[in-house]
Amino acid sequence: MKIKEWPVSDRPRERLRTLGPRSLSSRELLALLIETGMPAADDRPARSAMDVAGDLLAWALQGEDEDPRMRDRQPLRRIVTAPFSALCSVPGIGPAKAAKILAALDLGRRATEEVRRDAHRFSCPRDVFEHVHLGMRDLAHEEFRVVMLSAQWELLGIERVAQGTVDAVDVHPRDVFACALRTGAHSVVLLHNHPSGEPAPSPEDRDLTRRLEEASKVLGIVLLDHIIVGEGRYTSFSEAGLMAAAGW
């Protein structure tokens, strides 16, 4: 049965209008984005937008063709991190629908990352992790970012300074501190992710931190911390006692 043939009170669009989006399941929200189903063909019956949405979620749950690191991730996270071509392989999901779904999911992620301007003040490594982890946890490559802070630890900006491979990223001190000098930052927090989800620092991470500590002393910029972002957890060099100077 087509969605437009359902009772009005059961249709996703009408329920969203009267009850709000939180009242709808993920399948119903995806169906609103998909909009149209598939006509009957050969021995296959017609599929509504709700059916196609269910097929997409089932595909995401199976994850047969995905990177092993993605197997423990929930279906919406799998969808938003899947290759564009993989989404288009799901029957009923063409390029236009795939683009709309990815755009909607990423807008949702960006909305959760937004914080009121007057709340952009950090007091500990956990504050930084909570602010950035949604945007870093699903990256398939290592990425190095610099969090720039005022003397009161107010956020001045976050800048990506290097992008690497699945298990390494090449960082030069010049690139790390150029953005801090440009914004007049009093202190910085270094950030990078481990796509494996395990935030334990490698010997290379420790060596890089030592070199950046030395550079920060020469430039007169306080290096508060180096935080490695993993799956739902992090490692703070400052908290772990892996930095020469006192951090927070």
Protein backbone atom coordinates (compact mmCIF):
# COMPACT_ATOMS: atom_id res chain seq x y z
CA MET A 1 0.00 0.00 0.00
CA LYS A 2 1.33 3.45 -0.91
CA ILE A 3 1.88 5.84 1.98
CA LYS A 4 -0.68 8.27 0.56
CA GLU A 5 -3.26 5.47 0.89
CA TRP A 6 -2.62 5.10 4.61
CA PRO A 7 -4.95 6.72 7.16
CA VAL A 8 -3.94 10.37 7.50
CA SER A 9 -3.05 9.95 11.17
CA ASP A 10 -0.54 7.21 10.30
CA ARG A 11 1.34 9.01 7.55
CA PRO A 12 4.88 10.08 8.57
CA ARG A 13 4.59 13.63 7.22
CA GLU A 14 1.34 14.31 9.07
CA ARG A 15 2.67 12.73 12.27
CA LEU A 16 5.80 14.88 12.07
CA ARG A 17 3.69 17.99 11.57
CA THR A 18 1.46 17.30 14.58
CA LEU A 19 3.76 15.41 16.96
CA GLY A 20 7.25 16.52 15.93
CA PRO A 21 10.18 14.56 14.43
CA ARG A 22 11.06 12.83 17.72
CA SER A 23 7.82 10.86 17.45
CA LEU A 24 8.97 9.19 14.22
CA SER A 25 11.23 6.17 13.88
CA SER A 26 14.45 6.28 11.86
CA ARG A 27 12.67 4.30 9.15
CA GLU A 28 9.87 6.87 8.94
CA LEU A 29 12.29 9.82 8.82
CA LEU A 30 14.26 8.13 6.04
CA ALA A 31 11.02 7.47 4.17
CA LEU A 32 10.27 11.20 4.22
CA LEU A 33 13.64 11.83 2.57
CA ILE A 34 13.23 9.00 0.06
CA GLU A 35 9.70 10.22 -0.82
CA THR A 36 8.94 7.72 -3.60
CA GLY A 37 9.06 3.95 -3.73
CA MET A 38 9.52 1.52 -6.59
CA PRO A 39 6.86 0.28 -9.02
CA ALA A 40 6.24 -3.42 -9.44
CA ALA A 41 8.55 -5.13 -11.92
CA ASP A 42 8.71 -8.73 -13.14
CA ASP A 43 8.08 -10.89 -10.07
CA ARG A 44 8.83 -8.09 -7.58
CA PRO A 45 5.89 -6.33 -5.95
CA ALA A 46 5.74 -2.56 -5.67
CA ARG A 47 7.74 -1.03 -2.80
CA SER A 48 6.67 2.08 -0.89
CA ALA A 49 9.11 4.70 0.37
CA MET A 50 8.71 3.10 3.80
CA ASP A 51 9.71 -0.28 2.36
CA VAL A 52 12.79 1.22 0.68
CA ALA A 53 13.73 2.93 3.95
CA GLY A 54 13.48 -0.42 5.72
CA ASP A 55 15.65 -2.02 3.04
CA LEU A 56 18.27 0.70 3.50
CA LEU A 57 18.39 0.17 7.27
CA ALA A 58 18.61 -3.60 6.79
CA TRP A 59 21.49 -3.11 4.37
CA ALA A 60 23.26 -0.91 6.89
CA LEU A 61 22.78 -3.47 9.65
CA GLN A 62 24.28 -6.25 7.53
CA GLY A 63 27.37 -4.27 6.58
CA GLU A 64 28.74 -7.17 4.58
CA ASP A 65 30.87 -5.03 2.26
CA GLU A 66 32.10 -2.52 4.82
CA ASP A 67 35.40 -2.00 6.53
CA PRO A 68 35.67 -4.32 9.59
CA ARG A 69 36.05 -1.27 11.82
CA MET A 70 32.49 -0.29 10.93
CA ARG A 71 30.84 -3.54 12.08
CA ASP A 72 29.99 -2.33 15.57
CA ARG A 73 28.50 0.93 14.40
CA GLN A 74 24.78 1.54 14.34
CA PRO A 75 22.85 1.79 11.05
CA LEU A 76 22.58 5.57 10.72
CA ARG A 77 26.31 5.97 11.37
CA ARG A 78 27.00 3.29 8.80
CA ILE A 79 24.85 5.09 6.26
CA VAL A 80 26.49 8.48 6.80
CA THR A 81 29.99 7.02 6.51
CA ALA A 82 29.29 4.64 3.60
CA PRO A 83 30.71 5.36 0.13
CA PHE A 84 28.23 7.18 -2.07
CA SER A 85 28.28 4.35 -4.61
CA ALA A 86 27.43 1.81 -1.89
CA LEU A 87 24.26 3.68 -0.95
CA CYS A 88 23.23 3.80 -4.59
CA SER A 89 23.52 0.01 -4.75
CA VAL A 90 20.46 -0.35 -2.49
CA PRO A 91 17.37 -0.89 -4.69
CA GLY A 92 15.30 2.29 -4.77
CA ILE A 93 18.18 4.55 -3.70
CA GLY A 94 19.55 6.48 -6.66
CA PRO A 95 22.11 9.31 -6.68
CA ALA A 96 19.54 12.02 -5.89
CA LYS A 97 18.10 10.15 -2.90
CA ALA A 98 21.54 9.15 -1.64
CA ALA A 99 22.67 12.79 -1.76
CA LYS A 100 19.56 13.94 0.11
CA ILE A 101 20.01 11.30 2.83
CA LEU A 102 23.70 12.07 3.35
CA ALA A 103 23.00 15.80 3.45
CA ALA A 104 20.24 15.37 6.05
CA LEU A 105 22.32 13.10 8.27
CA ASP A 106 25.31 15.41 8.16
CA LEU A 107 23.15 18.43 8.96
CA GLY A 108 21.95 16.54 12.02
CA ARG A 109 25.51 15.83 13.06
CA ARG A 110 26.51 19.48 12.57
CA ALA A 111 23.53 20.62 14.64
CA THR A 112 24.66 18.48 17.58
CA GLU A 113 28.13 20.04 17.36
CA GLU A 114 26.82 23.58 17.58
CA VAL A 115 27.12 25.22 20.98
CA ARG A 116 26.07 28.68 22.06
CA ARG A 117 28.91 31.16 21.53
CA ASP A 118 29.02 32.09 25.21
CA ALA A 119 29.39 28.39 26.13
CA HIS A 120 32.59 27.93 24.12
CA ARG A 121 34.82 27.77 27.15
CA PHE A 122 36.69 24.62 28.10
CA SER A 123 37.93 23.64 31.54
CA CYS A 124 39.24 20.11 31.03
CA PRO A 125 40.08 17.53 28.33
CA ARG A 126 36.58 16.01 28.56
CA ASP A 127 35.07 19.35 27.48
CA VAL A 128 37.20 19.36 24.34
CA PHE A 129 36.43 15.72 23.57
CA GLU A 130 32.68 16.26 23.92
CA HIS A 131 32.90 19.22 21.58
CA VAL A 132 34.78 17.48 18.76
CA HIS A 133 34.23 13.74 18.93
CA LEU A 134 31.08 13.58 16.78
CA GLY A 135 32.94 15.18 13.91
CA MET A 136 36.03 12.98 14.27
CA ARG A 137 34.92 9.54 15.41
CA ASP A 138 33.79 8.30 11.98
CA LEU A 139 36.72 9.55 9.92
CA ALA A 140 38.34 6.75 7.91
CA HIS A 141 41.73 8.49 8.07
CA GLU A 142 43.79 10.18 10.77
CA GLU A 143 43.32 13.92 10.96
CA PHE A 144 45.28 16.43 13.04
CA ARG A 145 43.55 19.54 14.34
CA VAL A 146 44.52 22.45 16.59
CA VAL A 147 42.11 23.94 19.14
CA MET A 148 43.02 27.58 19.73
CA LEU A 149 42.10 29.16 23.08
CA SER A 150 42.30 32.52 24.78
CA ALA A 151 43.95 33.07 28.16
CA GLN A 152 40.55 32.22 29.72
CA TRP A 153 40.35 28.99 27.65
CA GLU A 154 37.63 30.43 25.43
CA LEU A 155 37.47 28.86 21.99
CA LEU A 156 38.98 31.02 19.25
CA GLY A 157 38.79 28.38 16.55
CA ILE A 158 39.61 24.83 15.49
CA GLU A 159 41.70 24.25 12.39
CA ARG A 160 42.66 21.09 10.54
CA VAL A 161 46.37 21.18 9.80
CA ALA A 162 47.02 17.70 8.40
CA GLN A 163 45.21 14.71 6.96
CA GLY A 164 46.88 11.32 6.85
CA THR A 165 46.18 7.66 6.19
CA VAL A 166 44.29 5.06 8.18
CA ASP A 167 47.05 4.75 10.78
CA ALA A 168 49.37 7.74 10.44
CA VAL A 169 49.42 11.47 9.87
CA ASP A 170 52.46 13.62 9.09
CA VAL A 171 52.50 16.87 11.06
CA HIS A 172 55.00 19.73 10.94
CA PRO A 173 55.34 22.13 13.91
CA ARG A 174 55.23 25.09 11.51
CA ASP A 175 51.71 24.14 10.40
CA VAL A 176 50.53 23.46 13.94
CA PHE A 177 51.49 26.85 15.32
CA ALA A 178 50.88 29.01 12.24
CA CYS A 179 47.15 29.09 12.90
CA ALA A 180 47.71 29.83 16.59
CA LEU A 181 49.94 32.78 15.76
CA ARG A 182 47.48 34.01 13.17
CA THR A 183 44.57 34.06 15.64
CA GLY A 184 46.59 35.37 18.58
CA ALA A 185 45.90 32.24 20.64
CA HIS A 186 47.25 32.15 24.18
CA SER A 187 47.15 28.35 24.35
CA VAL A 188 46.38 25.36 22.14
CA VAL A 189 45.13 21.81 22.46
CA LEU A 190 46.32 19.30 19.88
CA LEU A 191 43.81 16.82 18.52
CA HIS A 192 43.96 13.79 16.33
CA ASN A 193 41.83 10.69 15.88
CA HIS A 194 42.53 6.97 15.67
CA PRO A 195 40.13 5.38 13.13
CA SER A 196 40.60 2.03 14.89
CA GLY A 197 38.67 3.47 17.84
CA GLU A 198 41.54 2.73 20.25
CA PRO A 199 42.96 6.05 21.58
CA ALA A 200 46.15 4.69 23.15
CA PRO A 201 49.10 6.84 22.00
CA SER A 202 51.71 5.27 19.75
CA PRO A 203 55.45 5.91 20.12
CA GLU A 204 55.15 8.27 17.15
CA ASP A 205 52.37 10.20 18.95
CA ARG A 206 54.58 10.59 22.01
CA ASP A 207 57.57 11.72 19.98
CA LEU A 208 55.47 14.26 18.06
CA THR A 209 54.09 15.67 21.31
CA ARG A 210 57.58 16.15 22.71
CA ARG A 211 58.69 18.01 19.58
CA LEU A 212 55.62 20.24 19.64
CA GLU A 213 56.15 20.98 23.33
CA GLU A 214 59.62 22.27 22.53
CA ALA A 215 58.30 24.40 19.69
CA SER A 216 55.56 25.88 21.88
CA LYS A 217 58.15 27.05 24.42
CA VAL A 218 60.12 28.87 21.73
CA LEU A 219 56.99 30.57 20.40
CA GLY A 220 55.54 31.45 23.80
CA ILE A 221 52.29 29.57 23.19
CA VAL A 222 51.00 27.32 25.99
CA LEU A 223 50.49 23.72 24.89
CA LEU A 224 47.74 22.55 27.23
CA ASP A 225 47.18 19.05 25.95
CA HIS A 226 47.26 16.51 23.16
CA ILE A 227 44.01 14.54 22.95
CA ILE A 228 43.55 11.39 20.89
CA VAL A 229 39.93 10.78 19.91
CA GLY A 230 38.72 7.18 19.80
CA GLU A 231 35.37 5.40 19.75
CA GLY A 232 33.44 6.94 22.64
CA ARG A 233 36.64 7.58 24.61
CA TYR A 234 39.85 9.54 24.48
CA THR A 235 43.38 9.74 25.79
CA SER A 236 44.62 13.03 27.21
CA PHE A 237 48.40 13.37 27.39
CA SER A 238 47.96 15.83 30.23
CA GLU A 239 45.71 13.55 32.29
CA ALA A 240 47.98 10.59 31.62
CA GLY A 241 51.08 12.49 32.76
CA LEU A 242 52.70 12.22 29.33
CA MET A 243 53.57 15.91 29.00
CA ALA A 244 56.55 17.66 30.50
CA ALA A 245 54.61 20.76 31.57
CA ALA A 246 51.48 20.86 33.68
CA GLY A 247 48.45 21.07 31.42
CA TRP A 248 45.01 21.96 32.68
